């Protein structure tokens, strides 16, 4: 007995899974325009799910089992990726009271090199 089948009852192939996913992504792009023009593969879904499980505190051995990894070291790649994402986020932080040239600008254009003197959003600070 087959678990995943096409509408004809035949075995669902990798291409079949990808085809179903692309139709779902295309429909979702109607409500989430950020998906337009992106190729979301079954592997991307698998990897993203594993990262969300890890970030939610699920034990690595459970994630390894879910992914079908025989060796926990294979799943350790996700832990390294998660730590790299956290390090990248921490590197973007600036000490209190210090502005950075790379810091995002305010909608009025105020930033490290432009005073917010004409912006209504800054009236309390002027």
Protein backbone atom coordinates (compact mmCIF):
# COMPACT_ATOMS: atom_id res chain seq x y z
CA UNK A 1 0.00 0.00 0.00
CA UNK A 2 1.32 3.42 -0.98
CA UNK A 3 1.18 6.33 1.44
CA UNK A 4 1.44 9.21 -1.05
CA UNK A 5 -0.16 8.79 -4.44
CA UNK A 6 -1.23 10.79 -7.47
CA UNK A 7 -4.88 11.15 -8.29
CA UNK A 8 -4.57 7.93 -10.37
CA UNK A 9 -3.39 5.97 -7.34
CA UNK A 10 0.16 5.70 -8.66
CA UNK A 11 3.32 6.30 -6.64
CA UNK A 12 4.06 10.00 -6.07
CA UNK A 13 7.51 10.85 -7.49
CA UNK A 14 9.95 13.61 -6.54
CA UNK A 15 8.83 15.53 -9.60
CA UNK A 16 5.23 15.06 -8.50
CA UNK A 17 5.98 16.46 -5.05
CA UNK A 18 7.78 19.42 -6.63
CA UNK A 19 4.86 20.03 -9.00
CA UNK A 20 2.35 20.07 -6.13
CA UNK A 21 4.61 22.39 -4.11
CA UNK A 22 5.03 24.82 -7.04
CA UNK A 23 1.24 25.03 -7.46
CA UNK A 24 0.88 25.74 -3.72
CA UNK A 25 3.63 28.41 -3.85
CA UNK A 26 1.96 30.00 -6.87
CA UNK A 27 -1.38 30.18 -5.03
CA UNK A 28 0.28 31.50 -1.87
CA UNK A 29 2.04 34.24 -3.86
CA UNK A 30 -1.39 35.82 -4.34
CA UNK A 31 -1.54 36.64 -0.62
CA UNK A 32 2.21 36.77 0.02
CA UNK A 33 3.84 38.71 -2.85
CA UNK A 34 7.33 38.03 -1.44
CA UNK A 35 7.01 34.50 -2.82
CA UNK A 36 6.61 35.74 -6.39
CA UNK A 37 9.58 34.83 -8.54
CA UNK A 38 11.14 32.59 -5.89
CA UNK A 39 11.75 28.89 -6.41
CA UNK A 40 10.79 27.01 -3.27
CA UNK A 41 11.96 23.42 -3.47
CA UNK A 42 10.98 20.48 -1.26
CA UNK A 43 14.52 20.69 0.16
CA UNK A 44 13.97 24.34 1.13
CA UNK A 45 10.78 23.32 2.97
CA UNK A 46 12.66 20.49 4.70
CA UNK A 47 15.55 22.75 5.74
CA UNK A 48 13.27 25.59 6.87
CA UNK A 49 11.16 23.21 8.95
CA UNK A 50 14.27 21.80 10.62
CA UNK A 51 15.48 25.33 11.45
CA UNK A 52 12.11 26.29 12.94
CA UNK A 53 12.08 23.11 15.03
CA UNK A 54 15.58 23.89 16.29
CA UNK A 55 14.73 27.53 17.07
CA UNK A 56 11.61 26.34 18.91
CA UNK A 57 13.73 24.28 21.27
CA UNK A 58 13.06 20.82 19.83
CA UNK A 59 15.83 18.38 20.78
CA UNK A 60 18.41 17.68 18.05
CA UNK A 61 17.81 13.93 18.23
CA UNK A 62 14.12 14.47 17.46
CA UNK A 63 15.00 16.68 14.48
CA UNK A 64 17.51 14.06 13.28
CA UNK A 65 14.83 11.38 13.51
CA UNK A 66 12.30 13.56 11.68
CA UNK A 67 14.82 14.29 8.90
CA UNK A 68 15.78 10.63 8.64
CA UNK A 69 19.42 11.22 9.56
CA UNK A 70 21.20 8.12 10.77
CA UNK A 71 23.96 10.14 12.39
CA UNK A 72 23.36 13.06 14.76
CA UNK A 73 26.48 14.77 13.34
CA UNK A 74 24.60 15.29 10.07
CA UNK A 75 21.93 17.25 11.93
CA UNK A 76 24.62 19.29 13.71
CA UNK A 77 24.86 21.39 10.51
CA UNK A 78 21.55 23.00 11.49
CA UNK A 79 22.93 23.91 14.91
CA UNK A 80 25.94 25.59 13.29
CA UNK A 81 23.66 27.47 10.88
CA UNK A 82 21.47 28.62 13.76
CA UNK A 83 24.50 29.88 15.70
CA UNK A 84 25.76 31.69 12.59
CA UNK A 85 22.39 33.45 12.22
CA UNK A 86 22.47 34.53 15.86
CA UNK A 87 26.04 35.79 15.54
CA UNK A 88 25.14 37.77 12.43
CA UNK A 89 22.22 39.38 14.27
CA UNK A 90 24.39 40.24 17.27
CA UNK A 91 27.02 41.83 15.03
CA UNK A 92 24.37 44.24 13.71
CA UNK A 93 23.73 45.63 17.19
CA UNK A 94 25.41 48.85 18.25
CA UNK A 95 26.25 49.88 21.81
CA UNK A 96 23.67 52.24 23.32
CA UNK A 97 24.16 55.85 22.27
CA UNK A 98 26.33 55.09 19.26
CA UNK A 99 25.10 55.51 15.70
CA UNK A 100 26.42 53.45 12.85
CA UNK A 101 26.88 54.51 9.24
CA UNK A 102 25.27 51.21 8.27
CA UNK A 103 22.30 51.70 10.60
CA UNK A 104 18.92 51.94 8.89
CA UNK A 105 17.70 55.42 8.07
CA UNK A 106 14.54 56.95 9.40
CA UNK A 107 11.77 57.43 6.77
CA UNK A 108 12.55 61.17 6.63
CA UNK A 109 16.17 60.44 5.74
CA UNK A 110 17.51 61.30 9.18
CA UNK A 111 20.50 59.25 10.08
CA UNK A 112 24.06 59.50 11.25
CA UNK A 113 24.83 62.28 8.72
CA UNK A 114 21.55 64.19 8.59
CA UNK A 115 19.80 65.92 11.46
CA UNK A 116 16.09 65.22 11.92
CA UNK A 117 15.22 68.94 12.10
CA UNK A 118 12.31 69.00 9.64
CA UNK A 119 10.59 65.72 10.41
CA UNK A 120 7.29 65.81 12.31
CA UNK A 121 8.12 62.43 13.77
CA UNK A 122 11.11 64.02 15.50
CA UNK A 123 9.31 67.10 16.92
CA UNK A 124 9.71 65.80 20.46
CA UNK A 125 13.47 65.36 19.96
CA UNK A 126 14.20 68.78 18.37
